[in-house]
N, C-alpha and C. Protein backbone atom coordinates (compact mmCIF):
# COMPACT_ATOMS: atom_id res chain seq x y z
N UNK A 1 5.14 -97.30 126.41
CA UNK A 1 4.24 -96.34 126.05
C UNK A 1 4.80 -95.52 125.28
N UNK A 2 3.87 -95.29 123.82
CA UNK A 2 4.35 -94.73 122.92
C UNK A 2 4.07 -93.23 122.64
N UNK A 3 4.72 -92.14 122.49
CA UNK A 3 4.56 -90.94 122.40
C UNK A 3 3.95 -90.66 121.03
N UNK A 4 2.75 -89.47 121.18
CA UNK A 4 2.78 -88.71 120.51
C UNK A 4 3.56 -87.66 119.84
N UNK A 5 4.07 -87.61 119.19
CA UNK A 5 5.34 -86.52 119.22
C UNK A 5 5.06 -85.27 118.34
N UNK A 6 4.01 -85.78 117.73
CA UNK A 6 3.66 -84.16 116.89
C UNK A 6 2.73 -83.37 117.98
N UNK A 7 1.81 -84.02 118.86
CA UNK A 7 1.39 -83.46 120.04
C UNK A 7 2.34 -82.81 120.96
N UNK A 8 3.53 -83.52 121.37
CA UNK A 8 4.18 -82.66 122.09
C UNK A 8 4.96 -81.58 121.70
N UNK A 9 5.36 -81.50 120.23
CA UNK A 9 6.12 -80.69 119.53
C UNK A 9 5.26 -79.29 119.68
N UNK A 10 3.65 -79.05 119.27
CA UNK A 10 3.02 -78.33 118.84
C UNK A 10 2.63 -77.84 120.85
N UNK A 11 2.60 -79.04 121.48
CA UNK A 11 2.17 -78.02 122.33
C UNK A 11 3.42 -77.15 123.19
N UNK A 12 4.42 -77.60 122.79
CA UNK A 12 5.87 -77.22 123.09
C UNK A 12 6.11 -75.91 122.20
N UNK A 13 5.42 -75.48 120.99
CA UNK A 13 5.21 -74.33 120.53
C UNK A 13 4.23 -73.07 120.96
N UNK A 14 3.36 -73.67 121.23
CA UNK A 14 1.88 -73.10 122.62
C UNK A 14 2.99 -72.34 123.62
N UNK A 15 4.07 -73.16 124.42
CA UNK A 15 4.29 -72.76 125.12
C UNK A 15 5.51 -71.86 124.98
N UNK A 16 5.77 -72.00 123.88
CA UNK A 16 7.53 -71.54 123.43
C UNK A 16 8.34 -72.34 124.41
N UNK A 17 8.57 -72.91 124.57
CA UNK A 17 9.74 -73.75 124.95
C UNK A 17 10.76 -74.51 124.24
N UNK A 18 11.60 -74.73 124.43
CA UNK A 18 12.57 -76.13 123.28
C UNK A 18 12.60 -77.38 124.45
N UNK A 19 13.33 -78.28 123.43
CA UNK A 19 13.23 -79.63 124.07
C UNK A 19 14.30 -79.74 125.95
N UNK A 20 15.36 -78.72 125.95
CA UNK A 20 16.02 -77.81 126.94
C UNK A 20 15.17 -77.79 128.28
N UNK A 21 14.03 -76.87 127.79
CA UNK A 21 13.47 -76.31 129.04
C UNK A 21 12.25 -77.16 129.28
N UNK A 22 11.94 -77.49 128.31
CA UNK A 22 10.77 -79.46 129.05
C UNK A 22 11.56 -80.12 129.67
N UNK A 23 13.04 -80.42 129.31
CA UNK A 23 13.69 -81.41 129.57
C UNK A 23 13.55 -80.54 131.14
N UNK A 24 13.56 -79.36 131.73
CA UNK A 24 13.98 -79.12 133.14
C UNK A 24 12.83 -78.93 133.75
N UNK A 25 11.47 -78.57 133.03
CA UNK A 25 9.89 -78.34 133.49
C UNK A 25 9.36 -80.30 133.87
N UNK A 26 10.15 -80.65 133.31
CA UNK A 26 10.07 -82.51 133.90
C UNK A 26 10.70 -83.34 134.30
N UNK A 27 11.62 -82.61 135.18
CA UNK A 27 12.80 -83.09 135.94
C UNK A 27 13.43 -84.39 135.08
N UNK A 28 13.73 -84.21 134.14
CA UNK A 28 14.70 -84.71 133.33
C UNK A 28 15.50 -84.63 133.09
N UNK A 29 16.83 -85.38 132.36
CA UNK A 29 18.16 -84.67 131.84
C UNK A 29 17.60 -84.16 130.59
N UNK A 30 18.48 -83.16 130.15
CA UNK A 30 18.68 -83.05 128.52
C UNK A 30 18.40 -84.41 127.66
N UNK A 31 19.53 -85.56 127.86
CA UNK A 31 20.21 -86.16 126.83
C UNK A 31 18.48 -87.46 127.01
N UNK A 32 17.82 -87.68 128.16
CA UNK A 32 17.04 -88.09 128.52
C UNK A 32 15.82 -88.36 127.90
N UNK A 33 15.39 -86.97 127.50
CA UNK A 33 14.89 -86.20 127.26
C UNK A 33 14.47 -86.31 125.54
N UNK A 34 15.36 -85.72 124.97
CA UNK A 34 16.02 -85.97 123.73
C UNK A 34 15.67 -87.37 123.07
N UNK A 35 16.27 -88.43 123.96
CA UNK A 35 16.21 -89.81 123.64
C UNK A 35 14.90 -90.25 123.15
N UNK A 36 13.89 -90.01 124.81
CA UNK A 36 12.40 -90.18 124.23
C UNK A 36 11.90 -89.64 123.46
N UNK A 37 12.21 -88.31 122.93
CA UNK A 37 11.58 -87.37 122.00
C UNK A 37 11.39 -88.26 120.69
N UNK A 38 12.94 -89.08 120.37
CA UNK A 38 13.42 -89.15 119.03
C UNK A 38 13.07 -90.86 118.91
N UNK A 39 13.36 -91.69 119.95
CA UNK A 39 12.51 -93.01 120.02
C UNK A 39 10.86 -93.48 120.11
N UNK A 40 10.36 -92.11 120.48
CA UNK A 40 9.05 -92.27 120.36
C UNK A 40 8.36 -92.93 121.35
N UNK A 41 8.86 -93.44 123.05
CA UNK A 41 8.50 -94.41 123.15
C UNK A 41 9.58 -93.92 124.85
N UNK A 42 8.38 -94.24 125.79
CA UNK A 42 8.80 -94.25 126.75
C UNK A 42 7.89 -94.82 128.19
N UNK A 43 8.43 -94.82 129.44
CA UNK A 43 8.23 -95.48 130.42
C UNK A 43 7.12 -94.86 131.21
N UNK A 44 5.85 -95.22 131.52
CA UNK A 44 4.63 -94.50 132.04
C UNK A 44 4.97 -93.16 133.23
N UNK A 45 6.11 -93.20 133.86
CA UNK A 45 6.31 -91.93 134.43
C UNK A 45 7.26 -91.29 134.21
N UNK A 46 7.88 -91.30 132.88
CA UNK A 46 8.42 -90.27 132.36
C UNK A 46 7.11 -89.68 131.11
N UNK A 47 6.21 -90.75 131.28
CA UNK A 47 5.01 -89.57 130.38
C UNK A 47 4.18 -88.83 131.09
N UNK A 48 4.06 -89.02 132.35
CA UNK A 48 3.79 -88.52 133.50
C UNK A 48 4.17 -87.49 133.30
N UNK A 49 6.08 -87.51 133.85
CA UNK A 49 6.47 -85.96 133.94
C UNK A 49 6.77 -85.14 132.80
N UNK A 50 6.24 -86.05 131.49
CA UNK A 50 6.30 -84.75 130.57
C UNK A 50 4.94 -84.34 130.38
N UNK A 51 4.02 -84.77 130.82
CA UNK A 51 2.63 -84.68 130.52
C UNK A 51 2.14 -83.63 131.71
N UNK A 52 2.75 -82.93 132.67
CA UNK A 52 2.96 -82.11 133.98
C UNK A 52 3.74 -81.12 133.08
N UNK A 53 4.90 -81.40 132.75
CA UNK A 53 5.22 -79.78 132.18
C UNK A 53 5.04 -79.72 131.24
N UNK A 54 3.72 -80.42 130.54
CA UNK A 54 3.54 -79.55 129.18
C UNK A 54 1.47 -78.89 129.41
N UNK A 55 1.57 -79.29 131.05
CA UNK A 55 0.48 -79.20 131.50
C UNK A 55 -0.98 -79.80 130.52
N UNK A 56 -0.75 -80.92 130.30
CA UNK A 56 -1.73 -81.35 128.88
C UNK A 56 -1.97 -82.95 129.64
N UNK A 57 -3.18 -83.39 129.27
CA UNK A 57 -3.49 -85.27 129.85
C UNK A 57 -2.46 -85.93 128.87
N UNK A 58 -2.01 -86.87 130.32
CA UNK A 58 -1.29 -88.57 129.59
C UNK A 58 -1.73 -88.85 127.82
N UNK A 59 -2.87 -88.90 128.48
CA UNK A 59 -3.99 -89.36 127.31
C UNK A 59 -3.35 -88.44 125.68
N UNK A 60 -3.55 -87.38 126.33
CA UNK A 60 -3.22 -87.13 124.67
C UNK A 60 -1.73 -87.12 124.00
N UNK A 61 -0.76 -87.33 124.80
CA UNK A 61 0.51 -86.99 124.38
C UNK A 61 1.18 -88.38 124.16
N UNK A 62 0.48 -90.05 124.69
CA UNK A 62 0.91 -91.63 124.83
C UNK A 62 -0.35 -92.33 124.83
N UNK A 63 -0.07 -93.44 124.40
CA UNK A 63 -1.42 -94.33 124.43
C UNK A 63 -0.22 -95.92 124.62
N UNK A 64 -0.49 -96.54 125.28
CA UNK A 64 0.29 -98.46 125.62
C UNK A 64 0.32 -98.89 124.38
N UNK A 65 1.56 -99.08 123.88
CA UNK A 65 2.07 -99.63 123.24
C UNK A 65 0.76 -100.83 123.17
N UNK A 66 0.71 -101.89 122.01
CA UNK A 66 0.04 -102.84 121.93
C UNK A 66 1.05 -104.09 121.86
N UNK A 67 0.38 -105.24 122.69
CA UNK A 67 1.73 -106.30 122.98
C UNK A 67 1.07 -107.65 122.08
N UNK A 68 2.02 -108.38 121.20
CA UNK A 68 1.28 -109.28 120.42
C UNK A 68 1.18 -109.84 121.39
N UNK A 69 -0.32 -110.83 120.23
CA UNK A 69 -0.61 -112.28 121.25
C UNK A 69 0.10 -113.71 121.06
């Protein structure tokens, strides 16, 4: 899934948390959290964890990648 990094960063600012705190809240390692934010891609389970940690709907931070036909 593609992450909407801008929305994630805005929500982090609203909550006044950094990447390390986001990782802790989501139950992810700091390295994994940083990698997902850097690449802008994550699997559905990770997206769900990030959304829950940010108290935001999944659809606001991610969308399914389009698969070429």
